[in-house]
Amino acid sequence: MTFRRRQRKRDAYNYGQTALHLAVNNGHQESACILISEGKAEPDAQDHNELTALHLATRNGYDTIACMLVTDFGASIESRDSNGRTLLHLAAQHGHNSTVKVLITKGDAKVDLKDHYGQAALHLAADSGFESTANRLIFDFKADIDAKDNCSQTTLHLAIHNSHEEVAQIKDHNEQTALHLAAHKNHEMAARMLIVEGKADLEAKDSSGQTALHLAASNGLEALTRMLIVEGMASKMSKTIMAEQRGTLRLRTAIIPQHP
């Protein structure tokens, strides 16, 4: 068997990954440096999923290796994988906050750029349940929280669908919750999802003392206002019934003789 055939066989077994891919994926910076310096590896070589070594360094949060690949060996920060995902997509998907910050502030990464599925970095952070990463993208870098993917799902939809309660309850600098946002933007379906899934506090107030009901009413959103009133009444009734049941149970416990 010739060298080329043996190499192709090894590449197929490793999903097309080169020695550089493997070194970077395992965090071996010195090995990666030697491979490129000695001309044994191309910095932008892609595997079968169109991932470069830089993609792997970013995905794994190896900031120093990523920096080396870009600054010392000119690795491309523009390349996308087979899903159309950029370095920022991968960093956000895996919750690497420091990498997200570097890519946006130093690498000029576009926050709302979408992959082949119509998902931006914020979608992936929310889908994976990384609250702090989603928070940073929204409040530090102004990611579009209303952006929809190819299935018309927003960040909020993905967070609720995957039971990532922390992401669904993110508050902004005005102490507004996702329910406040849904009311302000007249997203009745999103508001209903939050309530039905038990992810919303109907009585939560923002820094101005306003609830979601206040916002819906002040913006003249009649259908959403009615829904919030009905759901609020149902919630209060449920709490009252539970309180009464607890009171009845305590009363019964007090009056029923305790047998030794």
Foldseek 3Di string as FASTA:
>chain_A
DDPVVVVVVVCVVVQNDDPLLVCLLVPNQVVNVCCVVVPNDQQLDAGNQSDGSLLSNLLVLVVVSNCCSCPVVNHDQPGATNQQDGSLLSNLLNQNQVSNVCCVPPVVDDQCDATNFQDGSLLNNLLNLNQVSNLCSCAVVNHDQCRATNVRDGSLNNNLVNVSLSNQQDAYPQRDGNLLVCLLVVVQVSNVSCLVSVSDDQCRATNVGDGSLNNNVVVVVVVSNVVSVVSVVVVVVVVVVVVVVVVVVVVVVVPDDDDD
